[in-house]
N, C-alpha and C. Protein backbone atom coordinates (compact mmCIF):
# COMPACT_ATOMS: atom_id res chain seq x y z
N MET A 1 -37.74 -33.66 -10.31
CA MET A 1 -39.14 -33.34 -10.29
C MET A 1 -39.36 -32.12 -11.19
N VAL A 2 -40.37 -32.20 -12.03
CA VAL A 2 -40.77 -31.10 -12.90
C VAL A 2 -42.15 -30.64 -12.46
N VAL A 3 -42.27 -29.38 -12.12
CA VAL A 3 -43.56 -28.78 -11.79
C VAL A 3 -43.94 -27.91 -12.98
N TYR A 4 -45.05 -28.27 -13.63
CA TYR A 4 -45.47 -27.59 -14.85
C TYR A 4 -46.82 -26.94 -14.64
N HIS A 5 -46.92 -25.66 -15.00
CA HIS A 5 -48.19 -24.95 -14.90
C HIS A 5 -48.41 -24.10 -16.15
N GLY A 6 -48.20 -24.69 -17.31
CA GLY A 6 -48.39 -23.98 -18.57
C GLY A 6 -49.85 -23.96 -18.98
N ALA A 7 -50.12 -23.27 -20.06
CA ALA A 7 -51.49 -23.16 -20.57
C ALA A 7 -51.96 -24.46 -21.22
N GLU A 8 -51.05 -25.23 -21.74
CA GLU A 8 -51.38 -26.48 -22.43
C GLU A 8 -51.00 -27.67 -21.55
N THR A 9 -51.55 -28.83 -21.85
CA THR A 9 -51.18 -30.05 -21.14
C THR A 9 -49.78 -30.47 -21.53
N TRP A 10 -49.01 -30.99 -20.59
CA TRP A 10 -47.65 -31.47 -20.83
C TRP A 10 -47.72 -32.67 -21.76
N THR A 11 -46.99 -32.64 -22.86
CA THR A 11 -47.05 -33.74 -23.84
C THR A 11 -45.73 -34.46 -24.03
N VAL A 12 -44.67 -34.01 -23.36
CA VAL A 12 -43.36 -34.65 -23.49
C VAL A 12 -43.36 -35.88 -22.59
N GLY A 13 -42.58 -36.89 -22.96
CA GLY A 13 -42.48 -38.10 -22.15
C GLY A 13 -41.88 -37.81 -20.79
N GLU A 14 -41.74 -38.84 -19.98
CA GLU A 14 -41.22 -38.67 -18.62
C GLU A 14 -39.75 -39.04 -18.50
N CYS A 15 -39.04 -39.05 -19.61
CA CYS A 15 -37.60 -39.28 -19.59
C CYS A 15 -36.90 -37.99 -20.01
N PHE A 16 -35.80 -37.70 -19.37
CA PHE A 16 -35.05 -36.48 -19.65
C PHE A 16 -34.68 -36.37 -21.13
N LEU A 17 -34.29 -37.50 -21.74
CA LEU A 17 -33.90 -37.50 -23.15
C LEU A 17 -35.04 -37.05 -24.07
N ASP A 18 -36.28 -37.33 -23.67
CA ASP A 18 -37.43 -36.95 -24.49
C ASP A 18 -37.52 -35.43 -24.68
N LEU A 19 -36.95 -34.68 -23.77
CA LEU A 19 -37.01 -33.22 -23.86
C LEU A 19 -36.18 -32.68 -25.01
N PHE A 20 -35.19 -33.47 -25.45
CA PHE A 20 -34.26 -32.99 -26.46
C PHE A 20 -34.44 -33.64 -27.82
N GLY A 21 -35.06 -34.80 -27.87
CA GLY A 21 -35.33 -35.47 -29.14
C GLY A 21 -34.10 -35.89 -29.91
N LEU A 22 -33.02 -36.22 -29.21
CA LEU A 22 -31.82 -36.69 -29.90
C LEU A 22 -32.02 -38.11 -30.40
N ALA A 23 -31.65 -38.36 -31.63
CA ALA A 23 -31.70 -39.72 -32.17
C ALA A 23 -30.55 -40.52 -31.57
N ALA A 24 -30.73 -41.83 -31.44
CA ALA A 24 -29.68 -42.68 -30.88
C ALA A 24 -28.39 -42.57 -31.68
N ALA A 25 -28.49 -42.29 -32.98
CA ALA A 25 -27.31 -42.19 -33.84
C ALA A 25 -26.60 -40.84 -33.69
N ASP A 26 -27.22 -39.88 -33.03
CA ASP A 26 -26.59 -38.57 -32.86
C ASP A 26 -25.32 -38.72 -32.02
N PRO A 27 -24.21 -38.14 -32.44
CA PRO A 27 -22.95 -38.29 -31.71
C PRO A 27 -23.02 -37.78 -30.26
N LEU A 28 -23.91 -36.85 -29.99
CA LEU A 28 -24.03 -36.32 -28.63
C LEU A 28 -24.89 -37.19 -27.73
N ALA A 29 -25.64 -38.11 -28.29
CA ALA A 29 -26.56 -38.93 -27.50
C ALA A 29 -25.85 -39.72 -26.41
N ALA A 30 -24.64 -40.16 -26.67
CA ALA A 30 -23.90 -40.94 -25.67
C ALA A 30 -23.54 -40.10 -24.45
N TYR A 31 -23.54 -38.79 -24.58
CA TYR A 31 -23.15 -37.91 -23.48
C TYR A 31 -24.33 -37.22 -22.81
N GLN A 32 -25.50 -37.50 -23.31
CA GLN A 32 -26.72 -36.91 -22.75
C GLN A 32 -27.22 -37.78 -21.60
N PRO A 33 -27.33 -37.24 -20.39
CA PRO A 33 -27.85 -38.05 -19.29
C PRO A 33 -29.29 -38.46 -19.56
N ASP A 34 -29.64 -39.64 -19.12
CA ASP A 34 -31.00 -40.13 -19.30
C ASP A 34 -31.52 -40.64 -17.97
N PHE A 35 -32.62 -40.10 -17.55
CA PHE A 35 -33.25 -40.53 -16.31
C PHE A 35 -34.73 -40.17 -16.39
N ARG A 36 -35.51 -40.83 -15.57
CA ARG A 36 -36.93 -40.51 -15.49
C ARG A 36 -37.11 -39.43 -14.43
N TYR A 37 -38.11 -38.60 -14.62
CA TYR A 37 -38.41 -37.58 -13.62
C TYR A 37 -39.87 -37.66 -13.25
N HIS A 38 -40.20 -37.16 -12.10
CA HIS A 38 -41.59 -37.11 -11.66
C HIS A 38 -42.20 -35.81 -12.18
N LEU A 39 -43.33 -35.92 -12.87
CA LEU A 39 -44.01 -34.74 -13.42
C LEU A 39 -45.21 -34.39 -12.55
N CYS A 40 -45.25 -33.16 -12.13
CA CYS A 40 -46.39 -32.63 -11.40
C CYS A 40 -47.05 -31.61 -12.35
N ASP A 41 -48.04 -32.07 -13.12
CA ASP A 41 -48.68 -31.24 -14.15
C ASP A 41 -49.87 -30.49 -13.54
N LEU A 42 -49.69 -29.22 -13.29
CA LEU A 42 -50.72 -28.40 -12.67
C LEU A 42 -51.59 -27.68 -13.70
N SER A 43 -51.39 -27.97 -14.98
CA SER A 43 -52.11 -27.24 -16.03
C SER A 43 -53.62 -27.48 -15.98
N ARG A 44 -54.05 -28.55 -15.34
CA ARG A 44 -55.50 -28.82 -15.28
C ARG A 44 -56.19 -28.01 -14.19
N TYR A 45 -55.40 -27.32 -13.36
CA TYR A 45 -55.97 -26.50 -12.29
C TYR A 45 -55.92 -25.03 -12.67
N SER A 46 -56.95 -24.30 -12.29
CA SER A 46 -56.94 -22.85 -12.54
C SER A 46 -56.04 -22.17 -11.51
N ASP A 47 -55.67 -20.94 -11.79
CA ASP A 47 -54.86 -20.18 -10.84
C ASP A 47 -55.58 -20.04 -9.50
N ASP A 48 -56.90 -19.83 -9.55
CA ASP A 48 -57.67 -19.69 -8.31
C ASP A 48 -57.66 -20.97 -7.49
N GLU A 49 -57.76 -22.12 -8.16
CA GLU A 49 -57.71 -23.40 -7.44
C GLU A 49 -56.36 -23.58 -6.76
N LEU A 50 -55.31 -23.21 -7.44
CA LEU A 50 -53.98 -23.36 -6.86
C LEU A 50 -53.76 -22.38 -5.70
N ARG A 51 -54.25 -21.18 -5.85
CA ARG A 51 -54.10 -20.20 -4.77
C ARG A 51 -54.87 -20.63 -3.53
N GLY A 52 -55.99 -21.29 -3.72
CA GLY A 52 -56.81 -21.72 -2.59
C GLY A 52 -56.11 -22.73 -1.70
N GLY A 53 -55.15 -23.47 -2.25
CA GLY A 53 -54.44 -24.47 -1.47
C GLY A 53 -53.22 -23.94 -0.76
N VAL A 54 -52.94 -22.64 -0.91
CA VAL A 54 -51.73 -22.07 -0.30
C VAL A 54 -52.04 -21.54 1.07
């Protein structure tokens, strides 16, 4: 699970490999784990909105 609260909207895909941008031909690609993760993108909420739910 990835919890993101940055200033910008999350634009990376939902696969772990997308975070690194390795090409399939890269020698390290075979050793890079690949899995999907759940993204909880909180960037659309203000700090005050998030604090109100605590």
